[in-house]
Amino acid sequence: MGCNYEDGRSRRNKTLVRQDINFLEYPTWTPSCNVCKYIRIETNRGTYTLSADISIDKLPDKIDKSLFYILLDMVGDKGYEVKTTRYELCKRLFGARSSWRYERVEKGLERLAATTIRFQGSFYKDGEYVSAIFHYLDDVQKDDSGKLRIRLSKRLVDWLRETNYVRHIDIIKFMQFKKPVSSRLYEILVKSFEDRNVYRTNILRLRDKLGIQQAFPSHVYREVKLAVDEINRTTELNIKLGYNSKSKVLSFKRIERTRKKEKDGRNAEIDGNYQDENGVIYKVYQVGSSMIMALRLRDNATFTIDMETLNTWSRLKDY
């Protein structure tokens, strides 16, 4: 079941949430489909652990982390409490409601409330590495009418508002990936590509930071390759992946995306038929160097859209 963030506001500037580099460097959720309740990473500076309480079934997964990003967006710049309903969260998270989706939202809140993020000498702050402990949520209450009162962790939210080591995660882009590993790699690359175009790392170290459980480098490389392909296909990022099997070093190089031009100057990579999250089909084509036009086929209405909106649509191969 995919995620479909929609809150009725403009997609152009209302999808970004602040994240601290420490929470992008290390896995704060798991893309693994297996039951996983504990992640531990040893570094040359200290230890990082992500753990679920004994009362909960597993660590947060992609849907749960998407839910937390949505809650961060809802709480905004002030306060720590979100008053909402399961219906509203289902609409933002899945684009629709159902009994399964209601239960899934409640399960996500349970996992977020029961997860501990612990840095032991591995949390970067003010030029040094220190120890710190965080939780996602401080409290979740539901009244008899089904209304929810969710209090985000004051310590975590305060740090996200005050940190100088900030990156911005686009909720829509994070949620649109079909492979959870793609979403986790997207977080890492957002952090790593801020001030450079090449990111190199040991493949097993990246495995740990991705939060996946493959034991062999060849299996990790296959997962990473599939994730890079999806990121290249669905975002504005264009990444060239390299791997030295002897040194076990992976390299991610951000390169300028080349556009194929047709004889009339239109962009052949953009032109085509697309379907938005509501199932509406458009014929999309680029006019000039930057303007993107969308013709809604059901009534021939024409709109101008930006690349960010187009990246949330699905391209139709044969229509």
C-alpha atoms as a PDB file:
ATOM      1  CA  MET A   1       0.000   0.000   0.000  1.00  0.00           C
ATOM      2  CA  GLY A   2       1.534   3.282  -1.106  1.00  0.00           C
ATOM      3  CA  CYS A   3       1.476   6.667   0.542  1.00  0.00           C
ATOM      4  CA  ASN A   4      -0.171   9.712  -0.970  1.00  0.00           C
ATOM      5  CA  TYR A   5       0.433  12.997   0.859  1.00  0.00           C
ATOM      6  CA  GLU A   6      -2.222  15.590   0.161  1.00  0.00           C
ATOM      7  CA  ASP A   7      -3.434  18.367   2.422  1.00  0.00           C
ATOM      8  CA  GLY A   8      -5.127  20.755   0.006  1.00  0.00           C
ATOM      9  CA  ARG A   9      -2.274  23.269   0.036  1.00  0.00           C
ATOM     10  CA  SER A  10       0.173  24.184  -2.708  1.00  0.00           C
ATOM     11  CA  ARG A  11       2.683  21.455  -3.438  1.00  0.00           C
ATOM     12  CA  ARG A  12       5.292  24.020  -4.404  1.00  0.00           C
ATOM     13  CA  ASN A  13       6.354  25.177  -0.960  1.00  0.00           C
ATOM     14  CA  LYS A  14       4.404  23.219   1.653  1.00  0.00           C
ATOM     15  CA  THR A  15       6.049  19.803   1.494  1.00  0.00           C
ATOM     16  CA  LEU A  16       9.416  20.438   3.134  1.00  0.00           C
ATOM     17  CA  VAL A  17      10.174  19.501   6.745  1.00  0.00           C
ATOM     18  CA  ARG A  18      13.324  20.285   8.691  1.00  0.00           C
ATOM     19  CA  GLN A  19      15.638  17.452   9.619  1.00  0.00           C
ATOM     20  CA  ASP A  20      18.916  17.461  11.514  1.00  0.00           C
ATOM     21  CA  ILE A  21      21.862  15.737   9.818  1.00  0.00           C
ATOM     22  CA  ASN A  22      22.212  13.274  12.711  1.00  0.00           C
ATOM     23  CA  PHE A  23      18.744  11.864  11.996  1.00  0.00           C
ATOM     24  CA  LEU A  24      19.586  11.454   8.304  1.00  0.00           C
ATOM     25  CA  GLU A  25      23.041   9.963   8.857  1.00  0.00           C
ATOM     26  CA  TYR A  26      21.662   7.104  10.957  1.00  0.00           C
ATOM     27  CA  PRO A  27      18.498   5.038  10.433  1.00  0.00           C
ATOM     28  CA  THR A  28      15.573   6.295  12.508  1.00  0.00           C
ATOM     29  CA  TRP A  29      13.279   3.705  10.880  1.00  0.00           C
ATOM     30  CA  THR A  30      13.839   0.418   9.072  1.00  0.00           C
ATOM     31  CA  PRO A  31      13.145  -0.409   5.411  1.00  0.00           C
ATOM     32  CA  SER A  32      13.330  -4.109   6.240  1.00  0.00           C
ATOM     33  CA  CYS A  33      10.176  -6.178   5.796  1.00  0.00           C
ATOM     34  CA  ASN A  34      11.303  -8.515   8.566  1.00  0.00           C
ATOM     35  CA  VAL A  35      10.415  -7.989  12.202  1.00  0.00           C
ATOM     36  CA  CYS A  36      13.215  -5.798  13.532  1.00  0.00           C
ATOM     37  CA  LYS A  37      13.184  -4.322  17.025  1.00  0.00           C
ATOM     38  CA  TYR A  38      16.788  -3.218  17.446  1.00  0.00           C
ATOM     39  CA  ILE A  39      19.520  -1.606  15.342  1.00  0.00           C
ATOM     40  CA  ARG A  40      23.021  -0.967  16.684  1.00  0.00           C
ATOM     41  CA  ILE A  41      25.821   0.772  14.789  1.00  0.00           C
ATOM     42  CA  GLU A  42      29.367   1.026  16.111  1.00  0.00           C
ATOM     43  CA  THR A  43      31.454   3.982  14.915  1.00  0.00           C
ATOM     44  CA  ASN A  44      34.965   5.157  15.704  1.00  0.00           C
ATOM     45  CA  ARG A  45      33.389   7.872  17.863  1.00  0.00           C
ATOM     46  CA  GLY A  46      30.667   5.968  19.684  1.00  0.00           C
ATOM     47  CA  THR A  47      27.510   3.934  19.299  1.00  0.00           C
ATOM     48  CA  TYR A  48      24.094   4.531  17.761  1.00  0.00           C
ATOM     49  CA  THR A  49      21.057   2.430  18.681  1.00  0.00           C
ATOM     50  CA  LEU A  50      17.449   2.433  17.569  1.00  0.00           C
ATOM     51  CA  SER A  51      15.195   0.298  19.736  1.00  0.00           C
ATOM     52  CA  ALA A  52      11.528  -0.573  20.126  1.00  0.00           C
ATOM     53  CA  ASP A  53       9.919  -1.174  23.499  1.00  0.00           C
ATOM     54  CA  ILE A  54       8.953  -4.730  24.356  1.00  0.00           C
ATOM     55  CA  SER A  55       5.293  -3.685  24.109  1.00  0.00           C
ATOM     56  CA  ILE A  56       5.459  -3.025  20.368  1.00  0.00           C
ATOM     57  CA  ASP A  57       5.836  -5.416  17.422  1.00  0.00           C
ATOM     58  CA  LYS A  58       8.720  -3.747  15.505  1.00  0.00           C
ATOM     59  CA  LEU A  59      10.618  -0.575  14.747  1.00  0.00           C
ATOM     60  CA  PRO A  60       8.945   2.124  12.632  1.00  0.00           C
ATOM     61  CA  ASP A  61       8.888   1.462   8.892  1.00  0.00           C
ATOM     62  CA  LYS A  62       8.505   3.804   5.928  1.00  0.00           C
ATOM     63  CA  ILE A  63       4.789   4.412   6.495  1.00  0.00           C
ATOM     64  CA  ASP A  64       5.437   5.215  10.161  1.00  0.00           C
ATOM     65  CA  LYS A  65       8.246   7.647   9.310  1.00  0.00           C
ATOM     66  CA  SER A  66       6.012   9.239   6.660  1.00  0.00           C
ATOM     67  CA  LEU A  67       3.389   9.690   9.368  1.00  0.00           C
ATOM     68  CA  PHE A  68       5.937  11.430  11.599  1.00  0.00           C
ATOM     69  CA  TYR A  69       6.980  13.761   8.766  1.00  0.00           C
ATOM     70  CA  ILE A  70       3.304  14.639   8.268  1.00  0.00           C
ATOM     71  CA  LEU A  71       2.905  15.352  11.994  1.00  0.00           C
ATOM     72  CA  LEU A  72       5.977  17.618  11.872  1.00  0.00           C
ATOM     73  CA  ASP A  73       4.394  19.490   8.983  1.00  0.00           C
ATOM     74  CA  MET A  74       1.103  19.802  10.893  1.00  0.00           C
ATOM     75  CA  VAL A  75       2.648  21.099  14.128  1.00  0.00           C
ATOM     76  CA  GLY A  76       4.472  23.833  12.217  1.00  0.00           C
ATOM     77  CA  ASP A  77       6.795  26.307  13.900  1.00  0.00           C
ATOM     78  CA  LYS A  78       5.008  26.594  17.250  1.00  0.00           C
ATOM     79  CA  GLY A  79       3.855  24.188  19.908  1.00  0.00           C
ATOM     80  CA  TYR A  80       4.141  20.434  20.116  1.00  0.00           C
ATOM     81  CA  GLU A  81       0.571  19.175  19.957  1.00  0.00           C
ATOM     82  CA  VAL A  82      -1.468  18.069  16.959  1.00  0.00           C
ATOM     83  CA  LYS A  83      -5.247  17.730  17.296  1.00  0.00           C
ATOM     84  CA  THR A  84      -6.550  15.642  14.447  1.00  0.00           C
ATOM     85  CA  THR A  85      -8.544  12.548  13.488  1.00  0.00           C
ATOM     86  CA  ARG A  86      -7.751   9.193  11.986  1.00  0.00           C
ATOM     87  CA  TYR A  87      -9.663  10.294   8.889  1.00  0.00           C
ATOM     88  CA  GLU A  88      -7.443  13.345   8.376  1.00  0.00           C
ATOM     89  CA  LEU A  89      -4.253  11.342   8.871  1.00  0.00           C
ATOM     90  CA  CYS A  90      -5.482   8.619   6.506  1.00  0.00           C
ATOM     91  CA  LYS A  91      -6.238  11.240   3.874  1.00  0.00           C
ATOM     92  CA  ARG A  92      -2.769  12.757   4.191  1.00  0.00           C
ATOM     93  CA  LEU A  93      -0.959   9.435   4.379  1.00  0.00           C
ATOM     94  CA  PHE A  94      -2.909   7.238   1.956  1.00  0.00           C
ATOM     95  CA  GLY A  95      -5.211   9.589   0.072  1.00  0.00           C
ATOM     96  CA  ALA A  96      -8.241   7.550   1.183  1.00  0.00           C
ATOM     97  CA  ARG A  97      -9.813   6.003   4.268  1.00  0.00           C
ATOM     98  CA  SER A  98     -10.701   2.438   5.194  1.00  0.00           C
ATOM     99  CA  SER A  99     -10.785   0.307   8.336  1.00  0.00           C
ATOM    100  CA  TRP A 100      -7.350  -1.094   7.462  1.00  0.00           C
ATOM    101  CA  ARG A 101      -5.925   2.397   7.022  1.00  0.00           C
ATOM    102  CA  TYR A 102      -7.412   3.548  10.337  1.00  0.00           C
ATOM    103  CA  GLU A 103      -5.765   0.594  12.080  1.00  0.00           C
ATOM    104  CA  ARG A 104      -2.499   1.280  10.261  1.00  0.00           C
ATOM    105  CA  VAL A 105      -2.410   4.897  11.462  1.00  0.00           C
ATOM    106  CA  GLU A 106      -2.979   3.754  15.048  1.00  0.00           C
ATOM    107  CA  LYS A 107      -0.254   1.116  14.723  1.00  0.00           C
ATOM    108  CA  GLY A 108       2.113   3.761  13.373  1.00  0.00           C
ATOM    109  CA  LEU A 109       1.442   6.045  16.322  1.00  0.00           C
ATOM    110  CA  GLU A 110       2.073   3.136  18.706  1.00  0.00           C
ATOM    111  CA  ARG A 111       5.427   2.384  17.079  1.00  0.00           C
ATOM    112  CA  LEU A 112       6.504   6.027  17.061  1.00  0.00           C
ATOM    113  CA  ALA A 113       5.601   6.407  20.732  1.00  0.00           C
ATOM    114  CA  ALA A 114       7.512   3.247  21.681  1.00  0.00           C
ATOM    115  CA  THR A 115      10.793   3.912  19.828  1.00  0.00           C
ATOM    116  CA  THR A 116      13.997   5.246  21.391  1.00  0.00           C
ATOM    117  CA  ILE A 117      16.785   6.925  19.401  1.00  0.00           C
ATOM    118  CA  ARG A 118      20.044   6.808  21.342  1.00  0.00           C
ATOM    119  CA  PHE A 119      23.399   8.380  20.468  1.00  0.00           C
ATOM    120  CA  GLN A 120      26.315   7.410  22.709  1.00  0.00           C
ATOM    121  CA  GLY A 121      29.182   9.728  21.783  1.00  0.00           C
ATOM    122  CA  SER A 122      27.940   9.817  18.169  1.00  0.00           C
ATOM    123  CA  PHE A 123      25.664  12.889  18.064  1.00  0.00           C
ATOM    124  CA  TYR A 124      27.284  15.836  16.282  1.00  0.00           C
ATOM    125  CA  LYS A 125      26.670  19.140  18.078  1.00  0.00           C
ATOM    126  CA  ASP A 126      28.668  22.381  18.142  1.00  0.00           C
ATOM    127  CA  GLY A 127      31.768  20.838  16.594  1.00  0.00           C
ATOM    128  CA  GLU A 128      31.971  17.791  18.844  1.00  0.00           C
ATOM    129  CA  TYR A 129      30.337  14.404  19.308  1.00  0.00           C
ATOM    130  CA  VAL A 130      28.142  13.999  22.379  1.00  0.00           C
ATOM    131  CA  SER A 131      25.524  11.620  23.780  1.00  0.00           C
ATOM    132  CA  ALA A 132      21.795  12.230  23.366  1.00  0.00           C
ATOM    133  CA  ILE A 133      18.490  10.370  23.634  1.00  0.00           C
ATOM    134  CA  PHE A 134      15.332  11.195  21.654  1.00  0.00           C
ATOM    135  CA  HIS A 135      11.803   9.881  21.193  1.00  0.00           C
ATOM    136  CA  TYR A 136       9.328  10.633  18.401  1.00  0.00           C
ATOM    137  CA  LEU A 137       6.213  11.208  20.529  1.00  0.00           C
ATOM    138  CA  ASP A 138       5.592  12.099  24.154  1.00  0.00           C
ATOM    139  CA  ASP A 139       1.911  11.156  24.258  1.00  0.00           C
ATOM    140  CA  VAL A 140      -1.012   9.922  22.137  1.00  0.00           C
ATOM    141  CA  GLN A 141      -4.613  10.163  23.319  1.00  0.00           C
ATOM    142  CA  LYS A 142      -7.874   9.218  21.601  1.00  0.00           C
ATOM    143  CA  ASP A 143     -11.249  10.245  22.997  1.00  0.00           C
ATOM    144  CA  ASP A 144     -14.571   8.416  22.672  1.00  0.00           C
ATOM    145  CA  SER A 145     -15.400  10.236  19.439  1.00  0.00           C
ATOM    146  CA  GLY A 146     -12.167   9.067  17.826  1.00  0.00           C
ATOM    147  CA  LYS A 147     -10.407  12.436  17.884  1.00  0.00           C
ATOM    148  CA  LEU A 148      -6.655  12.267  18.416  1.00  0.00           C
ATOM    149  CA  ARG A 149      -4.411  14.463  20.529  1.00  0.00           C
ATOM    150  CA  ILE A 150      -0.798  13.772  19.635  1.00  0.00           C
ATOM    151  CA  ARG A 151       2.070  15.432  21.477  1.00  0.00           C
ATOM    152  CA  LEU A 152       5.367  15.316  19.609  1.00  0.00           C
ATOM    153  CA  SER A 153       8.549  14.958  21.647  1.00  0.00           C
ATOM    154  CA  LYS A 154       9.432  18.404  22.979  1.00  0.00           C
ATOM    155  CA  ARG A 155      13.129  17.553  23.072  1.00  0.00           C
ATOM    156  CA  LEU A 156      13.168  16.362  19.464  1.00  0.00           C
ATOM    157  CA  VAL A 157      11.033  19.180  18.059  1.00  0.00           C
ATOM    158  CA  ASP A 158      13.030  21.838  19.909  1.00  0.00           C
ATOM    159  CA  TRP A 159      16.253  20.456  18.479  1.00  0.00           C
ATOM    160  CA  LEU A 160      14.848  20.337  14.934  1.00  0.00           C
ATOM    161  CA  ARG A 161      13.803  23.977  15.250  1.00  0.00           C
ATOM    162  CA  GLU A 162      17.087  25.156  16.738  1.00  0.00           C
ATOM    163  CA  THR A 163      19.720  23.078  14.940  1.00  0.00           C
ATOM    164  CA  ASN A 164      22.185  24.692  12.566  1.00  0.00           C
ATOM    165  CA  TYR A 165      22.812  21.333  10.881  1.00  0.00           C
ATOM    166  CA  VAL A 166      19.567  21.318   8.972  1.00  0.00           C
ATOM    167  CA  ARG A 167      18.485  19.645   5.753  1.00  0.00           C
ATOM    168  CA  HIS A 168      15.015  19.637   4.253  1.00  0.00           C
ATOM    169  CA  ILE A 169      13.131  16.483   3.337  1.00  0.00           C
ATOM    170  CA  ASP A 170      10.371  16.710   0.744  1.00  0.00           C
ATOM    171  CA  ILE A 171       7.514  14.623   2.136  1.00  0.00           C
ATOM    172  CA  ILE A 172       6.019  13.878  -1.271  1.00  0.00           C
ATOM    173  CA  LYS A 173       9.313  12.695  -2.711  1.00  0.00           C
ATOM    174  CA  PHE A 174      10.051  10.593   0.360  1.00  0.00           C
ATOM    175  CA  MET A 175       6.666   8.907   0.168  1.00  0.00           C
ATOM    176  CA  GLN A 176       6.450   8.384  -3.586  1.00  0.00           C
ATOM    177  CA  PHE A 177       9.170   5.732  -3.790  1.00  0.00           C
ATOM    178  CA  LYS A 178       7.888   2.178  -4.127  1.00  0.00           C
ATOM    179  CA  LYS A 179      10.997   0.657  -2.523  1.00  0.00           C
ATOM    180  CA  PRO A 180      11.558   1.623   1.132  1.00  0.00           C
ATOM    181  CA  VAL A 181      15.328   1.397   0.564  1.00  0.00           C
ATOM    182  CA  SER A 182      14.950   4.189  -2.010  1.00  0.00           C
ATOM    183  CA  SER A 183      13.333   6.423   0.613  1.00  0.00           C
ATOM    184  CA  ARG A 184      16.105   5.706   3.114  1.00  0.00           C
ATOM    185  CA  LEU A 185      18.845   6.299   0.521  1.00  0.00           C
ATOM    186  CA  TYR A 186      17.101   9.537  -0.460  1.00  0.00           C
ATOM    187  CA  GLU A 187      17.455  10.738   3.161  1.00  0.00           C
ATOM    188  CA  ILE A 188      21.167   9.916   3.165  1.00  0.00           C
ATOM    189  CA  LEU A 189      21.797  11.621  -0.181  1.00  0.00           C
ATOM    190  CA  VAL A 190      19.897  14.774   0.841  1.00  0.00           C
ATOM    191  CA  LYS A 191      22.312  15.027   3.753  1.00  0.00           C
ATOM    192  CA  SER A 192      25.439  14.062   1.776  1.00  0.00           C
ATOM    193  CA  PHE A 193      24.884  16.141  -1.390  1.00  0.00           C
ATOM    194  CA  GLU A 194      24.324  19.445   0.418  1.00  0.00           C
ATOM    195  CA  ASP A 195      27.839  20.768  -0.221  1.00  0.00           C
ATOM    196  CA  ARG A 196      29.398  18.239  -2.597  1.00  0.00           C
ATOM    197  CA  ASN A 197      28.629  16.285  -5.746  1.00  0.00           C
ATOM    198  CA  VAL A 198      30.394  13.029  -4.843  1.00  0.00           C
ATOM    199  CA  TYR A 199      29.650  10.831  -1.836  1.00  0.00           C
ATOM    200  CA  ARG A 200      31.836   7.776  -1.122  1.00  0.00           C
ATOM    201  CA  THR A 201      31.362   5.173   1.583  1.00  0.00           C
ATOM    202  CA  ASN A 202      32.141   1.574   2.460  1.00  0.00           C
ATOM    203  CA  ILE A 203      29.332  -0.668   1.257  1.00  0.00           C
ATOM    204  CA  LEU A 204      28.873  -2.429   4.603  1.00  0.00           C
ATOM    205  CA  ARG A 205      28.885   0.883   6.453  1.00  0.00           C
ATOM    206  CA  LEU A 206      26.159   2.083   4.095  1.00  0.00           C
ATOM    207  CA  ARG A 207      24.250  -1.152   4.702  1.00  0.00           C
ATOM    208  CA  ASP A 208      24.147  -0.331   8.409  1.00  0.00           C
ATOM    209  CA  LYS A 209      23.087   3.270   7.781  1.00  0.00           C
ATOM    210  CA  LEU A 210      20.362   2.128   5.406  1.00  0.00           C
ATOM    211  CA  GLY A 211      19.048  -0.181   8.099  1.00  0.00           C
ATOM    212  CA  ILE A 212      18.906  -3.237   5.847  1.00  0.00           C
ATOM    213  CA  GLN A 213      19.895  -6.745   6.878  1.00  0.00           C
ATOM    214  CA  GLN A 214      21.637  -8.192   3.813  1.00  0.00           C
ATOM    215  CA  ALA A 215      24.846  -9.904   4.873  1.00  0.00           C
ATOM    216  CA  PHE A 216      26.857  -9.923   1.631  1.00  0.00           C
ATOM    217  CA  PRO A 217      28.183  -6.905  -0.293  1.00  0.00           C
ATOM    218  CA  SER A 218      26.773  -8.256  -3.569  1.00  0.00           C
ATOM    219  CA  HIS A 219      23.274  -8.305  -2.066  1.00  0.00           C
ATOM    220  CA  VAL A 220      23.696  -4.790  -0.661  1.00  0.00           C
ATOM    221  CA  TYR A 221      24.906  -3.503  -4.030  1.00  0.00           C
ATOM    222  CA  ARG A 222      21.846  -4.956  -5.761  1.00  0.00           C
ATOM    223  CA  GLU A 223      19.527  -3.165  -3.309  1.00  0.00           C
ATOM    224  CA  VAL A 224      21.429   0.109  -3.687  1.00  0.00           C
ATOM    225  CA  LYS A 225      21.450  -0.154  -7.490  1.00  0.00           C
ATOM    226  CA  LEU A 226      17.684  -0.620  -7.588  1.00  0.00           C
ATOM    227  CA  ALA A 227      17.236   2.322  -5.214  1.00  0.00           C
ATOM    228  CA  VAL A 228      19.460   4.602  -7.308  1.00  0.00           C
ATOM    229  CA  ASP A 229      17.543   3.628 -10.452  1.00  0.00           C
ATOM    230  CA  GLU A 230      14.247   4.573  -8.771  1.00  0.00           C
ATOM    231  CA  ILE A 231      15.622   7.863  -7.443  1.00  0.00           C
ATOM    232  CA  ASN A 232      16.930   8.775 -10.903  1.00  0.00           C
ATOM    233  CA  ARG A 233      13.612   7.828 -12.465  1.00  0.00           C
ATOM    234  CA  THR A 234      11.321   9.725 -10.090  1.00  0.00           C
ATOM    235  CA  THR A 235      13.222  12.806  -8.863  1.00  0.00           C
ATOM    236  CA  GLU A 236      15.309  15.608 -10.295  1.00  0.00           C
ATOM    237  CA  LEU A 237      18.453  13.890  -8.966  1.00  0.00           C
ATOM    238  CA  ASN A 238      20.670  12.188 -11.518  1.00  0.00           C
ATOM    239  CA  ILE A 239      23.144   9.888  -9.794  1.00  0.00           C
ATOM    240  CA  LYS A 240      25.930   7.819 -11.297  1.00  0.00           C
ATOM    241  CA  LEU A 241      26.650   4.820  -9.091  1.00  0.00           C
ATOM    242  CA  GLY A 242      30.110   3.281  -8.911  1.00  0.00           C
ATOM    243  CA  TYR A 243      31.457   0.340  -6.957  1.00  0.00           C
ATOM    244  CA  ASN A 244      34.997  -0.972  -6.394  1.00  0.00           C
ATOM    245  CA  SER A 245      34.578  -4.617  -5.397  1.00  0.00           C
ATOM    246  CA  LYS A 246      38.164  -4.821  -4.110  1.00  0.00           C
ATOM    247  CA  SER A 247      38.022  -1.848  -1.746  1.00  0.00           C
ATOM    248  CA  LYS A 248      34.271  -2.317  -1.106  1.00  0.00           C
ATOM    249  CA  VAL A 249      33.731   1.404  -1.714  1.00  0.00           C
ATOM    250  CA  LEU A 250      30.533   2.755  -3.248  1.00  0.00           C
ATOM    251  CA  SER A 251      30.513   6.140  -4.955  1.00  0.00           C
ATOM    252  CA  PHE A 252      27.512   8.323  -5.718  1.00  0.00           C
ATOM    253  CA  LYS A 253      28.176  11.115  -8.187  1.00  0.00           C
ATOM    254  CA  ARG A 254      25.558  13.763  -8.830  1.00  0.00           C
ATOM    255  CA  ILE A 255      25.690  14.776 -12.472  1.00  0.00           C
ATOM    256  CA  GLU A 256      23.808  17.278 -14.577  1.00  0.00           C
ATOM    257  CA  ARG A 257      20.785  15.701 -16.213  1.00  0.00           C
ATOM    258  CA  THR A 258      21.017  15.898 -19.990  1.00  0.00           C
ATOM    259  CA  ARG A 259      17.822  16.503 -21.852  1.00  0.00           C
ATOM    260  CA  LYS A 260      17.032  15.051 -25.222  1.00  0.00           C
ATOM    261  CA  LYS A 261      15.664  17.711 -27.533  1.00  0.00           C
ATOM    262  CA  GLU A 262      13.296  17.063 -30.383  1.00  0.00           C
ATOM    263  CA  LYS A 263      13.535  19.045 -33.586  1.00  0.00           C
ATOM    264  CA  ASP A 264      10.972  21.591 -32.409  1.00  0.00           C
ATOM    265  CA  GLY A 265      12.978  22.200 -29.221  1.00  0.00           C
ATOM    266  CA  ARG A 266      10.634  20.327 -26.917  1.00  0.00           C
ATOM    267  CA  ASN A 267      11.931  18.046 -24.202  1.00  0.00           C
ATOM    268  CA  ALA A 268      11.533  14.391 -25.194  1.00  0.00           C
ATOM    269  CA  GLU A 269      12.190  13.200 -21.632  1.00  0.00           C
ATOM    270  CA  ILE A 270       9.236  15.175 -20.271  1.00  0.00           C
ATOM    271  CA  ASP A 271       6.679  14.850 -23.084  1.00  0.00           C
ATOM    272  CA  GLY A 272       4.134  12.089 -22.614  1.00  0.00           C
ATOM    273  CA  ASN A 273       0.971  10.963 -20.833  1.00  0.00           C
ATOM    274  CA  TYR A 274       0.836  11.044 -17.040  1.00  0.00           C
ATOM    275  CA  GLN A 275      -1.585  10.088 -14.287  1.00  0.00           C
ATOM    276  CA  ASP A 276      -1.863  12.084 -11.062  1.00  0.00           C
ATOM    277  CA  GLU A 277      -2.543  10.664  -7.593  1.00  0.00           C
ATOM    278  CA  ASN A 278      -6.311  10.885  -8.158  1.00  0.00           C
ATOM    279  CA  GLY A 279      -6.191   8.865 -11.372  1.00  0.00           C
ATOM    280  CA  VAL A 280      -6.670  11.867 -13.685  1.00  0.00           C
ATOM    281  CA  ILE A 281      -4.736  11.556 -16.957  1.00  0.00           C
ATOM    282  CA  TYR A 282      -2.875  14.432 -18.622  1.00  0.00           C
ATOM    283  CA  LYS A 283      -0.896  14.947 -21.785  1.00  0.00           C
ATOM    284  CA  VAL A 284       2.265  16.779 -20.703  1.00  0.00           C
ATOM    285  CA  TYR A 285       4.710  18.666 -22.893  1.00  0.00           C
ATOM    286  CA  GLN A 286       7.360  21.325 -22.434  1.00  0.00           C
ATOM    287  CA  VAL A 287       7.103  24.687 -24.130  1.00  0.00           C
ATOM    288  CA  GLY A 288      10.298  26.677 -24.545  1.00  0.00           C
ATOM    289  CA  SER A 289      13.114  26.086 -22.081  1.00  0.00           C
ATOM    290  CA  SER A 290      11.194  25.891 -18.820  1.00  0.00           C
ATOM    291  CA  MET A 291       7.385  26.020 -19.118  1.00  0.00           C
ATOM    292  CA  ILE A 292       5.600  22.669 -18.668  1.00  0.00           C
ATOM    293  CA  MET A 293       2.029  22.369 -19.927  1.00  0.00           C
ATOM    294  CA  ALA A 294      -0.521  19.757 -18.815  1.00  0.00           C
ATOM    295  CA  LEU A 295      -3.620  19.038 -20.925  1.00  0.00           C
ATOM    296  CA  ARG A 296      -6.315  17.257 -18.892  1.00  0.00           C
ATOM    297  CA  LEU A 297      -7.728  14.749 -21.339  1.00  0.00           C
ATOM    298  CA  ARG A 298     -11.200  14.412 -19.803  1.00  0.00           C
ATOM    299  CA  ASP A 299     -12.139  18.023 -20.562  1.00  0.00           C
ATOM    300  CA  ASN A 300      -9.170  19.447 -22.546  1.00  0.00           C
ATOM    301  CA  ALA A 301      -8.409  21.977 -19.805  1.00  0.00           C
ATOM    302  CA  THR A 302      -4.803  23.203 -19.926  1.00  0.00           C
ATOM    303  CA  PHE A 303      -2.562  24.117 -16.979  1.00  0.00           C
ATOM    304  CA  THR A 304       1.015  25.111 -16.355  1.00  0.00           C
ATOM    305  CA  ILE A 305       2.813  22.964 -13.776  1.00  0.00           C
ATOM    306  CA  ASP A 306       6.291  22.818 -12.291  1.00  0.00           C
ATOM    307  CA  MET A 307       8.755  19.933 -12.297  1.00  0.00           C
ATOM    308  CA  GLU A 308       8.115  19.217  -8.628  1.00  0.00           C
ATOM    309  CA  THR A 309       4.438  18.551  -9.337  1.00  0.00           C
ATOM    310  CA  LEU A 310       5.261  16.438 -12.391  1.00  0.00           C
ATOM    311  CA  ASN A 311       7.587  14.265 -10.296  1.00  0.00           C
ATOM    312  CA  THR A 312       4.601  13.256  -8.134  1.00  0.00           C
ATOM    313  CA  TRP A 313       2.713  11.897 -11.181  1.00  0.00           C
ATOM    314  CA  SER A 314       3.110   8.485 -12.788  1.00  0.00           C
ATOM    315  CA  ARG A 315       4.177   8.323 -16.394  1.00  0.00           C
ATOM    316  CA  LEU A 316       2.033   6.084 -18.590  1.00  0.00           C
ATOM    317  CA  LYS A 317       4.044   3.981 -21.032  1.00  0.00           C
ATOM    318  CA  ASP A 318       1.199   2.846 -23.260  1.00  0.00           C
ATOM    319  CA  TYR A 319      -1.914   4.958 -23.297  1.00  0.00           C
END
